[in-house]
Amino acid sequence: MIFSPEAIREEILAPDPRYPQWRYGCQKMFKLLDTQDALLRRNFAQPLMQLHAGETVGVAWAQEESW
């Protein structure tokens, strides 16, 4: 099982607007884990807003876990 905040999942699975036909390795991995129900979603209450959505949630996650 892998815990992933929804914003990070959405950012990773979103196609690159410059190259919409490309699929990156992390996208393939997340899609595979998602289809196998191995990707657990976890959302955080206090994301920092000065970065991209996935980055802000990642920072909030790290702070909450005291990493």
C-alpha atoms as a PDB file:
ATOM      1  CA  MET A   1       0.000   0.000   0.000  1.00  0.00           C
ATOM      2  CA  ILE A   2       1.112   3.516  -0.806  1.00  0.00           C
ATOM      3  CA  PHE A   3      -0.395   6.619   0.770  1.00  0.00           C
ATOM      4  CA  SER A   4      -0.799   9.522  -1.619  1.00  0.00           C
ATOM      5  CA  PRO A   5      -2.666  12.780  -1.149  1.00  0.00           C
ATOM      6  CA  GLU A   6      -5.249  13.407  -3.864  1.00  0.00           C
ATOM      7  CA  ALA A   7      -3.455  16.537  -5.141  1.00  0.00           C
ATOM      8  CA  ILE A   8      -0.217  14.604  -5.704  1.00  0.00           C
ATOM      9  CA  ARG A   9      -2.091  11.789  -7.443  1.00  0.00           C
ATOM     10  CA  GLU A  10      -3.868  14.261  -9.734  1.00  0.00           C
ATOM     11  CA  GLU A  11      -0.640  16.106 -10.552  1.00  0.00           C
ATOM     12  CA  ILE A  12       1.235  12.904 -11.393  1.00  0.00           C
ATOM     13  CA  LEU A  13      -1.584  11.423 -13.483  1.00  0.00           C
ATOM     14  CA  ALA A  14      -2.253  14.648 -15.407  1.00  0.00           C
ATOM     15  CA  PRO A  15      -0.891  14.558 -18.960  1.00  0.00           C
ATOM     16  CA  ASP A  16       1.892  16.979 -19.834  1.00  0.00           C
ATOM     17  CA  PRO A  17       0.211  19.681 -21.975  1.00  0.00           C
ATOM     18  CA  ARG A  18       3.363  19.990 -24.095  1.00  0.00           C
ATOM     19  CA  TYR A  19       3.459  16.261 -24.874  1.00  0.00           C
ATOM     20  CA  PRO A  20      -0.034  14.837 -24.164  1.00  0.00           C
ATOM     21  CA  GLN A  21       0.738  11.511 -25.865  1.00  0.00           C
ATOM     22  CA  TRP A  22       3.708  10.751 -23.562  1.00  0.00           C
ATOM     23  CA  ARG A  23       3.326   8.656 -20.438  1.00  0.00           C
ATOM     24  CA  TYR A  24       6.066   8.953 -17.834  1.00  0.00           C
ATOM     25  CA  GLY A  25       7.188   6.117 -15.575  1.00  0.00           C
ATOM     26  CA  CYS A  26       5.686   7.641 -12.438  1.00  0.00           C
ATOM     27  CA  GLN A  27       2.352   8.037 -14.271  1.00  0.00           C
ATOM     28  CA  LYS A  28       2.384   4.387 -15.299  1.00  0.00           C
ATOM     29  CA  MET A  29       3.255   3.296 -11.756  1.00  0.00           C
ATOM     30  CA  PHE A  30       0.501   5.392 -10.166  1.00  0.00           C
ATOM     31  CA  LYS A  31      -2.043   4.170 -12.737  1.00  0.00           C
ATOM     32  CA  LEU A  32      -1.065   0.552 -12.078  1.00  0.00           C
ATOM     33  CA  LEU A  33      -1.250   1.003  -8.298  1.00  0.00           C
ATOM     34  CA  ASP A  34      -4.567   2.813  -8.655  1.00  0.00           C
ATOM     35  CA  THR A  35      -6.130   0.023 -10.721  1.00  0.00           C
ATOM     36  CA  GLN A  36      -4.936  -2.530  -8.139  1.00  0.00           C
ATOM     37  CA  ASP A  37      -6.395  -0.457  -5.267  1.00  0.00           C
ATOM     38  CA  ALA A  38      -2.914  -0.218  -3.753  1.00  0.00           C
ATOM     39  CA  LEU A  39      -2.891   3.590  -3.804  1.00  0.00           C
ATOM     40  CA  LEU A  40      -4.557   4.957  -0.682  1.00  0.00           C
ATOM     41  CA  ARG A  41      -5.645   8.584  -0.734  1.00  0.00           C
ATOM     42  CA  ARG A  42      -4.937  10.837   2.203  1.00  0.00           C
ATOM     43  CA  ASN A  43      -5.702  14.547   2.343  1.00  0.00           C
ATOM     44  CA  PHE A  44      -4.200  17.183   4.602  1.00  0.00           C
ATOM     45  CA  ALA A  45      -5.854  20.205   6.134  1.00  0.00           C
ATOM     46  CA  GLN A  46      -3.057  22.807   5.916  1.00  0.00           C
ATOM     47  CA  PRO A  47      -1.310  22.753   2.506  1.00  0.00           C
ATOM     48  CA  LEU A  48       1.089  25.603   1.783  1.00  0.00           C
ATOM     49  CA  MET A  49      -0.144  27.614  -1.196  1.00  0.00           C
ATOM     50  CA  GLN A  50       3.057  29.050  -2.723  1.00  0.00           C
ATOM     51  CA  LEU A  51       3.931  25.870  -4.689  1.00  0.00           C
ATOM     52  CA  HIS A  52       2.091  23.554  -7.100  1.00  0.00           C
ATOM     53  CA  ALA A  53      -0.799  21.565  -5.612  1.00  0.00           C
ATOM     54  CA  GLY A  54       1.118  18.292  -5.325  1.00  0.00           C
ATOM     55  CA  GLU A  55       4.157  19.989  -3.831  1.00  0.00           C
ATOM     56  CA  THR A  56       2.130  21.877  -1.226  1.00  0.00           C
ATOM     57  CA  VAL A  57       0.396  18.736  -0.064  1.00  0.00           C
ATOM     58  CA  GLY A  58       3.727  16.890  -0.009  1.00  0.00           C
ATOM     59  CA  VAL A  59       5.239  19.565   2.225  1.00  0.00           C
ATOM     60  CA  ALA A  60       2.192  19.509   4.525  1.00  0.00           C
ATOM     61  CA  TRP A  61       2.412  15.721   4.654  1.00  0.00           C
ATOM     62  CA  ALA A  62       6.115  15.844   5.567  1.00  0.00           C
ATOM     63  CA  GLN A  63       5.441  18.418   8.278  1.00  0.00           C
ATOM     64  CA  GLU A  64       2.595  16.366   9.722  1.00  0.00           C
ATOM     65  CA  GLU A  65       4.784  13.242   9.799  1.00  0.00           C
ATOM     66  CA  SER A  66       7.745  15.239  11.252  1.00  0.00           C
ATOM     67  CA  TRP A  67      10.058  14.260   8.394  1.00  0.00           C
END
